[in-house]
Every structure is written in C-alpha cells, then in structure tokens.
Amino acid sequence: MVRLPLTPAELERGQRLGALLRRARGQRSMLETALDARVSPETLRKIESGRVATPAFPTIAAIADVLGLSLDAVWAEINQPERVVVPTGSGRNAPARLAS
C-alpha cells in the first residue's frame, strides 16, 4: 500500500493537535499519560511533536479521555479555519487582507 504525502493542511492540523495535547497534559509526565491511555510513550511523543499528523481515532480518543478532553474540543481545536494572506492589489506595496 502506498501512502500519499500529507498535505500542508494535514501537517498543520497535526501540529495543532500536538500542541493541544501538550497543553492539556500540563505537568503530567508523558510516560504516565501514555500508559494510562494504553499507547506507547513513543507514540504520544510523535503525536505531540507533530511527527504523526494523522493518528488513529482510537488513539486520540484514548489520550483525550485520559487528559479529560472532549472529542468535540479536540475537533474544534484542530479544525480551526486557516488564515491566509491574500493580496488585494496588483502592486508590490498593495495592502493585504486575511481570508479564511
């Protein structure tokens, strides 16, 4: 099976997911969190660092449960609308606007 490269949007969602899990974990150790979620510490490390941008749903559900996060909160965090700067004019010094 050939795995297609991840899109920039998928990579960005993976980074947001990792940041959310790190914040939610707080001072709790990675080892304790991983063991409580029944995932390997290496898996949790890869997810938190964004190296695994599209982890399996059961893995995220288990980690979220251990951290007291609702899956709705996780979904809302990782699917924030992207903000892209779009030039409004043709000139070099033309103002830019944010688009979502």
PDB file of N, CA and C in Angstrom:
ATOM      1  N   MET A   1       0.844  -1.170   0.000  1.00  0.00           N
ATOM      2  CA  MET A   1       0.000   0.000   0.000  1.00  0.00           C
ATOM      3  C   MET A   1       0.894   1.239   0.000  1.00  0.00           C
ATOM      4  N   VAL A   2       0.618   2.138  -0.889  1.00  0.00           N
ATOM      5  CA  VAL A   2       1.377   3.374  -0.990  1.00  0.00           C
ATOM      6  C   VAL A   2       0.645   4.449  -0.204  1.00  0.00           C
ATOM      7  N   ARG A   3       1.366   5.105   0.682  1.00  0.00           N
ATOM      8  CA  ARG A   3       0.774   6.189   1.458  1.00  0.00           C
ATOM      9  C   ARG A   3       1.114   7.510   0.788  1.00  0.00           C
ATOM     10  N   LEU A   4       0.086   8.286   0.475  1.00  0.00           N
ATOM     11  CA  LEU A   4       0.289   9.581  -0.162  1.00  0.00           C
ATOM     12  C   LEU A   4       0.880  10.566   0.829  1.00  0.00           C
ATOM     13  N   PRO A   5       1.692  11.500   0.355  1.00  0.00           N
ATOM     14  CA  PRO A   5       2.245  12.524   1.246  1.00  0.00           C
ATOM     15  C   PRO A   5       1.114  13.358   1.851  1.00  0.00           C
ATOM     16  N   LEU A   6       1.332  13.811   3.059  1.00  0.00           N
ATOM     17  CA  LEU A   6       0.339  14.638   3.723  1.00  0.00           C
ATOM     18  C   LEU A   6       0.328  16.035   3.114  1.00  0.00           C
ATOM     19  N   THR A   7      -0.840  16.628   3.107  1.00  0.00           N
ATOM     20  CA  THR A   7      -0.970  17.994   2.605  1.00  0.00           C
ATOM     21  C   THR A   7      -0.488  18.965   3.675  1.00  0.00           C
ATOM     22  N   PRO A   8      -0.180  20.181   3.288  1.00  0.00           N
ATOM     23  CA  PRO A   8       0.195  21.187   4.295  1.00  0.00           C
ATOM     24  C   PRO A   8      -0.903  21.381   5.347  1.00  0.00           C
ATOM     25  N   ALA A   9      -2.154  21.302   4.949  1.00  0.00           N
ATOM     26  CA  ALA A   9      -3.264  21.457   5.908  1.00  0.00           C
ATOM     27  C   ALA A   9      -3.263  20.306   6.917  1.00  0.00           C
ATOM     28  N   GLU A  10      -3.004  19.089   6.463  1.00  0.00           N
ATOM     29  CA  GLU A  10      -2.942  17.942   7.370  1.00  0.00           C
ATOM     30  C   GLU A  10      -1.772  18.075   8.336  1.00  0.00           C
ATOM     31  N   LEU A  11      -0.650  18.535   7.843  1.00  0.00           N
ATOM     32  CA  LEU A  11       0.513  18.741   8.708  1.00  0.00           C
ATOM     33  C   LEU A  11       0.234  19.805   9.762  1.00  0.00           C
ATOM     34  N   GLU A  12      -0.447  20.880   9.354  1.00  0.00           N
ATOM     35  CA  GLU A  12      -0.785  21.951  10.295  1.00  0.00           C
ATOM     36  C   GLU A  12      -1.763  21.453  11.352  1.00  0.00           C
ATOM     37  N   ARG A  13      -2.750  20.661  10.950  1.00  0.00           N
ATOM     38  CA  ARG A  13      -3.690  20.087  11.928  1.00  0.00           C
ATOM     39  C   ARG A  13      -2.942  19.196  12.916  1.00  0.00           C
ATOM     40  N   GLY A  14      -1.972  18.442  12.430  1.00  0.00           N
ATOM     41  CA  GLY A  14      -1.173  17.600  13.312  1.00  0.00           C
ATOM     42  C   GLY A  14      -0.400  18.420  14.328  1.00  0.00           C
ATOM     43  N   GLN A  15       0.133  19.567  13.907  1.00  0.00           N
ATOM     44  CA  GLN A  15       0.842  20.455  14.826  1.00  0.00           C
ATOM     45  C   GLN A  15      -0.112  21.009  15.880  1.00  0.00           C
ATOM     46  N   ARG A  16      -1.322  21.398  15.451  1.00  0.00           N
ATOM     47  CA  ARG A  16      -2.308  21.926  16.410  1.00  0.00           C
ATOM     48  C   ARG A  16      -2.727  20.844  17.398  1.00  0.00           C
ATOM     49  N   LEU A  17      -2.905  19.613  16.912  1.00  0.00           N
ATOM     50  CA  LEU A  17      -3.270  18.506  17.794  1.00  0.00           C
ATOM     51  C   LEU A  17      -2.177  18.276  18.828  1.00  0.00           C
ATOM     52  N   GLY A  18      -0.932  18.228  18.395  1.00  0.00           N
ATOM     53  CA  GLY A  18       0.179  18.027  19.318  1.00  0.00           C
ATOM     54  C   GLY A  18       0.252  19.113  20.374  1.00  0.00           C
ATOM     55  N   ALA A  19       0.074  20.362  19.958  1.00  0.00           N
ATOM     56  CA  ALA A  19       0.122  21.480  20.903  1.00  0.00           C
ATOM     57  C   ALA A  19      -1.014  21.379  21.918  1.00  0.00           C
ATOM     58  N   LEU A  20      -2.195  21.014  21.457  1.00  0.00           N
ATOM     59  CA  LEU A  20      -3.342  20.858  22.355  1.00  0.00           C
ATOM     60  C   LEU A  20      -3.067  19.780  23.397  1.00  0.00           C
ATOM     61  N   LEU A  21      -2.555  18.646  22.961  1.00  0.00           N
ATOM     62  CA  LEU A  21      -2.284  17.550  23.897  1.00  0.00           C
ATOM     63  C   LEU A  21      -1.192  17.924  24.893  1.00  0.00           C
ATOM     64  N   ARG A  22      -0.160  18.623  24.437  1.00  0.00           N
ATOM     65  CA  ARG A  22       0.895  19.062  25.355  1.00  0.00           C
ATOM     66  C   ARG A  22       0.333  20.010  26.407  1.00  0.00           C
ATOM     67  N   ARG A  23      -0.501  20.969  25.975  1.00  0.00           N
ATOM     68  CA  ARG A  23      -1.100  21.916  26.928  1.00  0.00           C
ATOM     69  C   ARG A  23      -1.987  21.176  27.929  1.00  0.00           C
ATOM     70  N   ALA A  24      -2.795  20.256  27.436  1.00  0.00           N
ATOM     71  CA  ALA A  24      -3.719  19.526  28.310  1.00  0.00           C
ATOM     72  C   ALA A  24      -2.961  18.626  29.287  1.00  0.00           C
ATOM     73  N   ARG A  25      -1.841  18.103  28.867  1.00  0.00           N
ATOM     74  CA  ARG A  25      -1.043  17.227  29.726  1.00  0.00           C
ATOM     75  C   ARG A  25      -0.405  18.008  30.867  1.00  0.00           C
ATOM     76  N   GLY A  26      -0.086  19.277  30.624  1.00  0.00           N
ATOM     77  CA  GLY A  26       0.487  20.126  31.667  1.00  0.00           C
ATOM     78  C   GLY A  26       1.743  19.524  32.273  1.00  0.00           C
ATOM     79  N   GLN A  27       1.750  19.391  33.598  1.00  0.00           N
ATOM     80  CA  GLN A  27       2.906  18.872  34.319  1.00  0.00           C
ATOM     81  C   GLN A  27       2.905  17.346  34.413  1.00  0.00           C
ATOM     82  N   ARG A  28       1.850  16.733  33.944  1.00  0.00           N
ATOM     83  CA  ARG A  28       1.759  15.267  33.986  1.00  0.00           C
ATOM     84  C   ARG A  28       2.824  14.685  33.055  1.00  0.00           C
ATOM     85  N   SER A  29       3.450  13.606  33.462  1.00  0.00           N
ATOM     86  CA  SER A  29       4.522  13.045  32.639  1.00  0.00           C
ATOM     87  C   SER A  29       3.968  12.384  31.378  1.00  0.00           C
ATOM     88  N   MET A  30       4.785  12.412  30.347  1.00  0.00           N
ATOM     89  CA  MET A  30       4.419  11.762  29.098  1.00  0.00           C
ATOM     90  C   MET A  30       4.248  10.259  29.313  1.00  0.00           C
ATOM     91  N   LEU A  31       5.132   9.672  30.103  1.00  0.00           N
ATOM     92  CA  LEU A  31       5.069   8.237  30.365  1.00  0.00           C
ATOM     93  C   LEU A  31       3.767   7.864  31.064  1.00  0.00           C
ATOM     94  N   GLU A  32       3.413   8.596  32.109  1.00  0.00           N
ATOM     95  CA  GLU A  32       2.173   8.317  32.843  1.00  0.00           C
ATOM     96  C   GLU A  32       0.954   8.464  31.932  1.00  0.00           C
ATOM     97  N   THR A  33       0.931   9.526  31.148  1.00  0.00           N
ATOM     98  CA  THR A  33      -0.196   9.767  30.242  1.00  0.00           C
ATOM     99  C   THR A  33      -0.305   8.657  29.216  1.00  0.00           C
ATOM    100  N   ALA A  34       0.800   8.288  28.617  1.00  0.00           N
ATOM    101  CA  ALA A  34       0.795   7.238  27.596  1.00  0.00           C
ATOM    102  C   ALA A  34       0.332   5.908  28.176  1.00  0.00           C
ATOM    103  N   LEU A  35       0.873   5.539  29.327  1.00  0.00           N
ATOM    104  CA  LEU A  35       0.489   4.265  29.928  1.00  0.00           C
ATOM    105  C   LEU A  35      -0.988   4.244  30.314  1.00  0.00           C
ATOM    106  N   ASP A  36      -1.493   5.360  30.860  1.00  0.00           N
ATOM    107  CA  ASP A  36      -2.911   5.430  31.214  1.00  0.00           C
ATOM    108  C   ASP A  36      -3.812   5.323  29.978  1.00  0.00           C
ATOM    109  N   ALA A  37      -3.326   5.859  28.842  1.00  0.00           N
ATOM    110  CA  ALA A  37      -4.099   5.795  27.592  1.00  0.00           C
ATOM    111  C   ALA A  37      -3.862   4.483  26.841  1.00  0.00           C
ATOM    112  N   ARG A  38      -2.943   3.672  27.352  1.00  0.00           N
ATOM    113  CA  ARG A  38      -2.599   2.394  26.721  1.00  0.00           C
ATOM    114  C   ARG A  38      -2.015   2.562  25.319  1.00  0.00           C
ATOM    115  N   VAL A  39      -1.171   3.598  25.193  1.00  0.00           N
ATOM    116  CA  VAL A  39      -0.391   3.792  23.969  1.00  0.00           C
ATOM    117  C   VAL A  39       1.069   3.855  24.398  1.00  0.00           C
ATOM    118  N   SER A  40       1.964   3.647  23.472  1.00  0.00           N
ATOM    119  CA  SER A  40       3.373   3.704  23.824  1.00  0.00           C
ATOM    120  C   SER A  40       3.792   5.157  24.035  1.00  0.00           C
ATOM    121  N   PRO A  41       4.749   5.379  24.929  1.00  0.00           N
ATOM    122  CA  PRO A  41       5.264   6.738  25.106  1.00  0.00           C
ATOM    123  C   PRO A  41       5.816   7.315  23.800  1.00  0.00           C
ATOM    124  N   GLU A  42       6.401   6.469  22.966  1.00  0.00           N
ATOM    125  CA  GLU A  42       6.927   6.943  21.678  1.00  0.00           C
ATOM    126  C   GLU A  42       5.797   7.434  20.772  1.00  0.00           C
ATOM    127  N   THR A  43       4.666   6.741  20.799  1.00  0.00           N
ATOM    128  CA  THR A  43       3.514   7.182  20.001  1.00  0.00           C
ATOM    129  C   THR A  43       3.045   8.547  20.474  1.00  0.00           C
ATOM    130  N   LEU A  44       2.901   8.707  21.778  1.00  0.00           N
ATOM    131  CA  LEU A  44       2.470  10.002  22.310  1.00  0.00           C
ATOM    132  C   LEU A  44       3.489  11.083  21.968  1.00  0.00           C
ATOM    133  N   ARG A  45       4.765  10.770  22.075  1.00  0.00           N
ATOM    134  CA  ARG A  45       5.822  11.741  21.743  1.00  0.00           C
ATOM    135  C   ARG A  45       5.710  12.178  20.271  1.00  0.00           C
ATOM    136  N   LYS A  46       5.493  11.219  19.400  1.00  0.00           N
ATOM    137  CA  LYS A  46       5.381  11.541  17.970  1.00  0.00           C
ATOM    138  C   LYS A  46       4.146  12.387  17.683  1.00  0.00           C
ATOM    139  N   ILE A  47       3.029  12.076  18.343  1.00  0.00           N
ATOM    140  CA  ILE A  47       1.812  12.858  18.132  1.00  0.00           C
ATOM    141  C   ILE A  47       2.012  14.278  18.649  1.00  0.00           C
ATOM    142  N   GLU A  48       2.555  14.403  19.849  1.00  0.00           N
ATOM    143  CA  GLU A  48       2.756  15.728  20.432  1.00  0.00           C
ATOM    144  C   GLU A  48       3.739  16.579  19.635  1.00  0.00           C
ATOM    145  N   SER A  49       4.704  15.940  19.004  1.00  0.00           N
ATOM    146  CA  SER A  49       5.688  16.698  18.225  1.00  0.00           C
ATOM    147  C   SER A  49       5.215  16.965  16.796  1.00  0.00           C
ATOM    148  N   GLY A  50       4.084  16.385  16.417  1.00  0.00           N
ATOM    149  CA  GLY A  50       3.558  16.583  15.069  1.00  0.00           C
ATOM    150  C   GLY A  50       4.139  15.619  14.053  1.00  0.00           C
ATOM    151  N   ARG A  51       4.985  14.683  14.493  1.00  0.00           N
ATOM    152  CA  ARG A  51       5.581  13.721  13.556  1.00  0.00           C
ATOM    153  C   ARG A  51       4.553  12.725  13.046  1.00  0.00           C
ATOM    154  N   VAL A  52       3.505  12.486  13.826  1.00  0.00           N
ATOM    155  CA  VAL A  52       2.382  11.669  13.361  1.00  0.00           C
ATOM    156  C   VAL A  52       1.216  12.633  13.268  1.00  0.00           C
ATOM    157  N   ALA A  53       0.987  13.161  12.082  1.00  0.00           N
ATOM    158  CA  ALA A  53      -0.010  14.211  11.902  1.00  0.00           C
ATOM    159  C   ALA A  53      -1.435  13.669  11.805  1.00  0.00           C
ATOM    160  N   THR A  54      -1.569  12.394  11.470  1.00  0.00           N
ATOM    161  CA  THR A  54      -2.905  11.816  11.318  1.00  0.00           C
ATOM    162  C   THR A  54      -2.996  10.514  12.117  1.00  0.00           C
ATOM    163  N   PRO A  55      -2.971  10.611  13.456  1.00  0.00           N
ATOM    164  CA  PRO A  55      -3.044   9.397  14.268  1.00  0.00           C
ATOM    165  C   PRO A  55      -4.419   8.743  14.178  1.00  0.00           C
ATOM    166  N   ALA A  56      -4.469   7.486  14.542  1.00  0.00           N
ATOM    167  CA  ALA A  56      -5.729   6.738  14.505  1.00  0.00           C
ATOM    168  C   ALA A  56      -6.716   7.322  15.515  1.00  0.00           C
ATOM    169  N   PHE A  57      -7.991   7.284  15.138  1.00  0.00           N
ATOM    170  CA  PHE A  57      -9.036   7.827  16.010  1.00  0.00           C
ATOM    171  C   PHE A  57      -9.032   7.194  17.399  1.00  0.00           C
ATOM    172  N   PRO A  58      -8.964   5.849  17.520  1.00  0.00           N
ATOM    173  CA  PRO A  58      -8.970   5.266  18.873  1.00  0.00           C
ATOM    174  C   PRO A  58      -7.803   5.749  19.734  1.00  0.00           C
ATOM    175  N   THR A  59      -6.685   6.031  19.118  1.00  0.00           N
ATOM    176  CA  THR A  59      -5.525   6.536  19.861  1.00  0.00           C
ATOM    177  C   THR A  59      -5.826   7.911  20.428  1.00  0.00           C
ATOM    178  N   ILE A  60      -6.352   8.789  19.593  1.00  0.00           N
ATOM    179  CA  ILE A  60      -6.688  10.141  20.054  1.00  0.00           C
ATOM    180  C   ILE A  60      -7.805  10.096  21.084  1.00  0.00           C
ATOM    181  N   ALA A  61      -8.793   9.236  20.868  1.00  0.00           N
ATOM    182  CA  ALA A  61      -9.895   9.120  21.830  1.00  0.00           C
ATOM    183  C   ALA A  61      -9.373   8.686  23.196  1.00  0.00           C
ATOM    184  N   ALA A  62      -8.451   7.739  23.224  1.00  0.00           N
ATOM    185  CA  ALA A  62      -7.899   7.255  24.493  1.00  0.00           C
ATOM    186  C   ALA A  62      -7.087   8.339  25.197  1.00  0.00           C
ATOM    187  N   ILE A  63      -6.260   9.053  24.443  1.00  0.00           N
ATOM    188  CA  ILE A  63      -5.440  10.116  25.041  1.00  0.00           C
ATOM    189  C   ILE A  63      -6.336  11.246  25.545  1.00  0.00           C
ATOM    190  N   ALA A  64      -7.310  11.639  24.734  1.00  0.00           N
ATOM    191  CA  ALA A  64      -8.229  12.711  25.135  1.00  0.00           C
ATOM    192  C   ALA A  64      -8.970  12.332  26.413  1.00  0.00           C
ATOM    193  N   ASP A  65      -9.400  11.082  26.514  1.00  0.00           N
ATOM    194  CA  ASP A  65     -10.112  10.626  27.700  1.00  0.00           C
ATOM    195  C   ASP A  65      -9.230  10.752  28.940  1.00  0.00           C
ATOM    196  N   VAL A  66      -7.998  10.306  28.838  1.00  0.00           N
ATOM    197  CA  VAL A  66      -7.058  10.370  29.967  1.00  0.00           C
ATOM    198  C   VAL A  66      -6.806  11.823  30.375  1.00  0.00           C
ATOM    199  N   LEU A  67      -6.772  12.728  29.409  1.00  0.00           N
ATOM    200  CA  LEU A  67      -6.490  14.135  29.691  1.00  0.00           C
ATOM    201  C   LEU A  67      -7.739  14.938  30.028  1.00  0.00           C
ATOM    202  N   GLY A  68      -8.901  14.291  29.986  1.00  0.00           N
ATOM    203  CA  GLY A  68     -10.137  14.990  30.317  1.00  0.00           C
ATOM    204  C   GLY A  68     -10.615  15.933  29.225  1.00  0.00           C
ATOM    205  N   LEU A  69     -10.215  15.660  27.996  1.00  0.00           N
ATOM    206  CA  LEU A  69     -10.639  16.476  26.850  1.00  0.00           C
ATOM    207  C   LEU A  69     -11.823  15.814  26.162  1.00  0.00           C
ATOM    208  N   SER A  70     -12.795  16.605  25.783  1.00  0.00           N
ATOM    209  CA  SER A  70     -13.879  16.050  24.976  1.00  0.00           C
ATOM    210  C   SER A  70     -13.399  15.960  23.532  1.00  0.00           C
ATOM    211  N   LEU A  71     -13.921  15.000  22.813  1.00  0.00           N
ATOM    212  CA  LEU A  71     -13.549  14.886  21.399  1.00  0.00           C
ATOM    213  C   LEU A  71     -14.054  16.088  20.612  1.00  0.00           C
ATOM    214  N   ASP A  72     -15.145  16.700  21.062  1.00  0.00           N
ATOM    215  CA  ASP A  72     -15.624  17.921  20.418  1.00  0.00           C
ATOM    216  C   ASP A  72     -14.595  19.042  20.551  1.00  0.00           C
ATOM    217  N   ALA A  73     -13.989  19.152  21.728  1.00  0.00           N
ATOM    218  CA  ALA A  73     -12.969  20.192  21.942  1.00  0.00           C
ATOM    219  C   ALA A  73     -11.739  19.927  21.079  1.00  0.00           C
ATOM    220  N   VAL A  74     -11.356  18.663  20.988  1.00  0.00           N
ATOM    221  CA  VAL A  74     -10.201  18.313  20.149  1.00  0.00           C
ATOM    222  C   VAL A  74     -10.504  18.659  18.701  1.00  0.00           C
ATOM    223  N   TRP A  75     -11.675  18.262  18.225  1.00  0.00           N
ATOM    224  CA  TRP A  75     -12.072  18.525  16.836  1.00  0.00           C
ATOM    225  C   TRP A  75     -12.082  20.027  16.547  1.00  0.00           C
ATOM    226  N   ALA A  76     -12.668  20.793  17.464  1.00  0.00           N
ATOM    227  CA  ALA A  76     -12.748  22.247  17.259  1.00  0.00           C
ATOM    228  C   ALA A  76     -11.356  22.868  17.202  1.00  0.00           C
ATOM    229  N   GLU A  77     -10.459  22.405  18.044  1.00  0.00           N
ATOM    230  CA  GLU A  77      -9.103  22.960  18.084  1.00  0.00           C
ATOM    231  C   GLU A  77      -8.321  22.650  16.811  1.00  0.00           C
ATOM    232  N   ILE A  78      -8.395  21.421  16.348  1.00  0.00           N
ATOM    233  CA  ILE A  78      -7.540  21.062  15.211  1.00  0.00           C
ATOM    234  C   ILE A  78      -8.125  21.477  13.871  1.00  0.00           C
ATOM    235  N   ASN A  79      -9.389  21.854  13.849  1.00  0.00           N
ATOM    236  CA  ASN A  79     -10.016  22.253  12.591  1.00  0.00           C
ATOM    237  C   ASN A  79     -10.355  23.729  12.551  1.00  0.00           C
ATOM    238  N   GLN A  80      -9.531  24.521  13.220  1.00  0.00           N
ATOM    239  CA  GLN A  80      -9.718  25.964  13.147  1.00  0.00           C
ATOM    240  C   GLN A  80      -9.539  26.405  11.708  1.00  0.00           C
ATOM    241  N   PRO A  81     -10.321  27.384  11.273  1.00  0.00           N
ATOM    242  CA  PRO A  81     -10.125  27.866   9.902  1.00  0.00           C
ATOM    243  C   PRO A  81      -8.732  28.446   9.741  1.00  0.00           C
ATOM    244  N   GLU A  82      -8.142  28.135   8.614  1.00  0.00           N
ATOM    245  CA  GLU A  82      -6.811  28.645   8.318  1.00  0.00           C
ATOM    246  C   GLU A  82      -6.918  30.093   7.871  1.00  0.00           C
ATOM    247  N   ARG A  83      -5.928  30.870   8.253  1.00  0.00           N
ATOM    248  CA  ARG A  83      -5.901  32.269   7.848  1.00  0.00           C
ATOM    249  C   ARG A  83      -4.816  32.423   6.792  1.00  0.00           C
ATOM    250  N   VAL A  84      -5.219  32.889   5.649  1.00  0.00           N
ATOM    251  CA  VAL A  84      -4.307  33.035   4.528  1.00  0.00           C
ATOM    252  C   VAL A  84      -4.258  34.513   4.135  1.00  0.00           C
ATOM    253  N   VAL A  85      -3.084  35.031   3.890  1.00  0.00           N
ATOM    254  CA  VAL A  85      -2.954  36.410   3.443  1.00  0.00           C
ATOM    255  C   VAL A  85      -3.130  36.435   1.939  1.00  0.00           C
ATOM    256  N   VAL A  86      -4.099  37.240   1.508  1.00  0.00           N
ATOM    257  CA  VAL A  86      -4.416  37.354   0.088  1.00  0.00           C
ATOM    258  C   VAL A  86      -4.149  38.787  -0.345  1.00  0.00           C
ATOM    259  N   PRO A  87      -3.281  39.008  -1.338  1.00  0.00           N
ATOM    260  CA  PRO A  87      -3.047  40.367  -1.816  1.00  0.00           C
ATOM    261  C   PRO A  87      -4.328  40.940  -2.415  1.00  0.00           C
ATOM    262  N   THR A  88      -4.575  42.243  -2.160  1.00  0.00           N
ATOM    263  CA  THR A  88      -5.788  42.859  -2.686  1.00  0.00           C
ATOM    264  C   THR A  88      -5.536  43.682  -3.936  1.00  0.00           C
ATOM    265  N   GLY A  89      -4.300  43.953  -4.233  1.00  0.00           N
ATOM    266  CA  GLY A  89      -3.995  44.750  -5.417  1.00  0.00           C
ATOM    267  C   GLY A  89      -2.901  44.093  -6.223  1.00  0.00           C
ATOM    268  N   SER A  90      -2.603  44.706  -7.347  1.00  0.00           N
ATOM    269  CA  SER A  90      -1.579  44.113  -8.190  1.00  0.00           C
ATOM    270  C   SER A  90      -0.204  44.703  -7.921  1.00  0.00           C
ATOM    271  N   GLY A  91      -0.174  45.809  -7.191  1.00  0.00           N
ATOM    272  CA  GLY A  91       1.094  46.461  -6.935  1.00  0.00           C
ATOM    273  C   GLY A  91       1.889  45.790  -5.828  1.00  0.00           C
ATOM    274  N   ARG A  92       3.159  46.079  -5.821  1.00  0.00           N
ATOM    275  CA  ARG A  92       4.065  45.479  -4.844  1.00  0.00           C
ATOM    276  C   ARG A  92       3.741  45.929  -3.423  1.00  0.00           C
ATOM    277  N   ASN A  93       3.317  47.164  -3.256  1.00  0.00           N
ATOM    278  CA  ASN A  93       3.019  47.712  -1.938  1.00  0.00           C
ATOM    279  C   ASN A  93       1.520  47.705  -1.638  1.00  0.00           C
ATOM    280  N   ALA A  94       0.777  46.939  -2.388  1.00  0.00           N
ATOM    281  CA  ALA A  94      -0.668  46.876  -2.185  1.00  0.00           C
ATOM    282  C   ALA A  94      -0.969  46.235  -0.826  1.00  0.00           C
ATOM    283  N   PRO A  95      -2.013  46.716  -0.153  1.00  0.00           N
ATOM    284  CA  PRO A  95      -2.370  46.127   1.139  1.00  0.00           C
ATOM    285  C   PRO A  95      -2.824  44.673   0.981  1.00  0.00           C
ATOM    286  N   ALA A  96      -2.712  43.937   2.049  1.00  0.00           N
ATOM    287  CA  ALA A  96      -3.147  42.544   2.043  1.00  0.00           C
ATOM    288  C   ALA A  96      -4.315  42.399   3.007  1.00  0.00           C
ATOM    289  N   ARG A  97      -5.120  41.384   2.811  1.00  0.00           N
ATOM    290  CA  ARG A  97      -6.228  41.118   3.723  1.00  0.00           C
ATOM    291  C   ARG A  97      -6.174  39.657   4.125  1.00  0.00           C
ATOM    292  N   LEU A  98      -6.780  39.356   5.255  1.00  0.00           N
ATOM    293  CA  LEU A  98      -6.847  37.979   5.704  1.00  0.00           C
ATOM    294  C   LEU A  98      -8.097  37.336   5.155  1.00  0.00           C
ATOM    295  N   ALA A  99      -7.955  36.125   4.703  1.00  0.00           N
ATOM    296  CA  ALA A  99      -9.100  35.368   4.198  1.00  0.00           C
ATOM    297  C   ALA A  99      -9.125  34.042   4.911  1.00  0.00           C
ATOM    298  N   SER A 100     -10.327  33.508   5.094  1.00  0.00           N
ATOM    299  CA  SER A 100     -10.409  32.191   5.734  1.00  0.00           C
ATOM    300  C   SER A 100     -11.099  31.205   4.829  1.00  0.00           C
TER     301      SER A 100
END
